[in-house]
Protein backbone atom coordinates (compact mmCIF):
# COMPACT_ATOMS: atom_id res chain seq x y z
CA UNK A 1 0.00 0.00 0.00
CA UNK A 2 1.29 3.40 -0.95
CA UNK A 3 1.78 5.82 1.91
CA UNK A 4 -0.33 8.93 1.38
CA UNK A 5 2.07 10.91 3.55
CA UNK A 6 5.03 9.98 1.34
CA UNK A 7 3.05 10.71 -1.80
CA UNK A 8 2.08 14.14 -0.45
CA UNK A 9 5.67 14.95 0.57
CA UNK A 10 7.02 13.91 -2.81
CA UNK A 11 4.40 15.91 -4.73
CA UNK A 12 5.15 19.00 -2.63
CA UNK A 13 8.88 18.52 -3.25
CA UNK A 14 8.28 18.24 -6.99
CA UNK A 15 6.15 21.40 -6.85
CA UNK A 16 8.92 23.29 -5.04
CA UNK A 17 11.63 22.08 -7.43
CA UNK A 18 9.51 22.83 -10.49
CA UNK A 19 8.92 26.37 -9.23
CA UNK A 20 12.64 26.83 -8.71
CA UNK A 21 13.38 25.47 -12.18
CA UNK A 22 10.94 27.98 -13.68
CA UNK A 23 12.51 30.87 -11.78
CA UNK A 24 16.19 30.13 -12.20
CA UNK A 25 17.14 27.31 -14.53
CA UNK A 26 14.78 27.31 -17.51
CA UNK A 27 16.07 30.10 -19.68
CA UNK A 28 13.63 30.27 -22.59
CA UNK A 29 12.26 33.38 -24.29
CA UNK A 30 8.88 31.66 -24.61
CA UNK A 31 8.41 31.60 -20.83
CA UNK A 32 6.73 34.98 -20.42
CA UNK A 33 3.96 36.25 -18.20
CA UNK A 34 3.44 35.22 -14.62
CA UNK A 35 3.93 31.45 -14.36
CA UNK A 36 2.92 29.54 -11.26
CA UNK A 37 2.90 25.86 -10.31
CA UNK A 38 -0.46 25.35 -8.64
CA UNK A 39 -0.70 21.59 -8.10
CA UNK A 40 1.20 18.35 -8.57
CA UNK A 41 -0.58 14.99 -8.78
CA UNK A 42 1.39 11.76 -8.57
CA UNK A 43 0.14 8.32 -9.53
CA UNK A 44 0.19 5.64 -6.83
CA UNK A 45 3.32 4.05 -8.29
CA UNK A 46 5.09 7.45 -8.64
CA UNK A 47 5.68 6.80 -12.35
CA UNK A 48 3.35 9.50 -13.69
CA UNK A 49 3.10 13.10 -12.61
CA UNK A 50 0.66 15.83 -13.63
CA UNK A 51 1.96 19.31 -13.02
CA UNK A 52 -0.69 22.02 -13.14
CA UNK A 53 0.67 25.33 -14.39
CA UNK A 54 -1.10 28.68 -14.28
CA UNK A 55 0.04 31.31 -16.77
CA UNK A 56 -1.24 34.83 -16.22
CA UNK A 57 -0.95 36.49 -19.59
CA UNK A 58 -2.30 36.38 -23.11
CA UNK A 59 -3.40 33.23 -24.90
CA UNK A 60 -0.19 33.36 -26.94
CA UNK A 61 1.84 33.51 -23.70
CA UNK A 62 0.07 30.36 -22.51
CA UNK A 63 0.66 28.49 -25.76
CA UNK A 64 4.33 29.48 -25.84
CA UNK A 65 4.82 28.54 -22.19
CA UNK A 66 3.36 25.06 -22.59
CA UNK A 67 5.29 24.49 -25.81
CA UNK A 68 8.53 25.48 -24.06
CA UNK A 69 7.76 23.18 -21.12
CA UNK A 70 6.96 20.26 -23.40
CA UNK A 71 10.19 20.86 -25.33
CA UNK A 72 12.20 20.80 -22.08
CA UNK A 73 10.38 17.88 -20.40
CA UNK A 74 13.44 15.61 -20.56
CA UNK A 75 15.63 18.20 -18.85
CA UNK A 76 12.95 18.86 -16.21
CA UNK A 77 12.53 15.13 -15.47
CA UNK A 78 16.28 14.70 -15.08
CA UNK A 79 16.66 17.72 -12.82
CA UNK A 80 13.77 16.68 -10.56
CA UNK A 81 15.18 13.16 -10.29
CA UNK A 82 18.69 14.45 -9.54
CA UNK A 83 17.62 17.11 -7.04
CA UNK A 84 15.22 14.88 -5.10
CA UNK A 85 17.52 11.84 -5.34
CA UNK A 86 14.71 9.56 -6.45
CA UNK A 87 15.32 6.32 -8.31
CA UNK A 88 12.91 6.84 -11.20
CA UNK A 89 12.01 10.13 -12.84
CA UNK A 90 8.24 10.22 -13.32
CA UNK A 91 6.70 10.84 -16.72
CA UNK A 92 5.57 14.45 -16.62
CA UNK A 93 2.39 15.84 -18.14
CA UNK A 94 1.79 19.58 -17.97
CA UNK A 95 -1.81 20.73 -17.55
CA UNK A 96 -3.26 24.23 -17.76
CA UNK A 97 -4.79 25.56 -14.55
CA UNK A 98 -6.69 28.80 -15.04
CA UNK A 99 -8.00 29.08 -11.47
CA UNK A 100 -5.77 32.09 -10.65
CA UNK A 101 -6.96 33.93 -13.73
CA UNK A 102 -10.61 33.15 -12.93
CA UNK A 103 -10.06 34.36 -9.37
CA UNK A 104 -8.58 37.60 -10.64
CA UNK A 105 -11.59 38.17 -12.92
CA UNK A 106 -14.02 37.50 -10.08
CA UNK A 107 -12.13 39.92 -7.82
CA UNK A 108 -12.28 42.60 -10.53
CA UNK A 109 -16.02 42.07 -10.95
CA UNK A 110 -16.61 42.26 -7.20
CA UNK A 111 -14.52 45.44 -6.97
CA UNK A 112 -16.52 46.98 -9.81
CA UNK A 113 -19.80 46.09 -8.09
CA UNK A 114 -18.57 47.51 -4.79
CA UNK A 115 -17.66 50.79 -6.53
CA UNK A 116 -21.02 51.09 -8.25
CA UNK A 117 -23.32 50.38 -5.32
CA UNK A 118 -22.64 52.07 -2.04
CA UNK A 119 -23.65 49.88 0.88
CA UNK A 120 -26.37 51.43 3.01
CA UNK A 121 -25.71 51.21 6.68
CA UNK A 122 -28.61 50.41 8.93
C-alpha cells in the first residue's frame, strides 16, 4: 500500500523544485507572463506526474509557455530526479490551470460592483 504521507511529501517537493526550475534554470524566451505551479498529482506508483501550471498572460503567452515546457520535459525530469535523489524520474504531463486567472476576474467584478453600489448602513 502506498503511503499517502510519502506521496504528499514527494508531490510538494516536486512542486517546489519545479517552481525553482521555472525561476532560475529554464532560460527560454517563450516563458513569459506570470507562471505559477499550482498543483502536482502523482500516480500511486510514482511513475506519472501531472503538473498544473497557471500562466497569467495572453493566450499566446500560454501556448508558448506550454510548448517550451513540453520541449524541455526531458531536462525537467532529469533535474527533478537528480535534485530529489529519487530512483525513477516520473513521466511528466503539464496541464493548464486557469484558477488564478478566474479568481482575478471575479475579484475585478466584485470590486466593480462595490464601486457602483454604495452599501447602506442600517
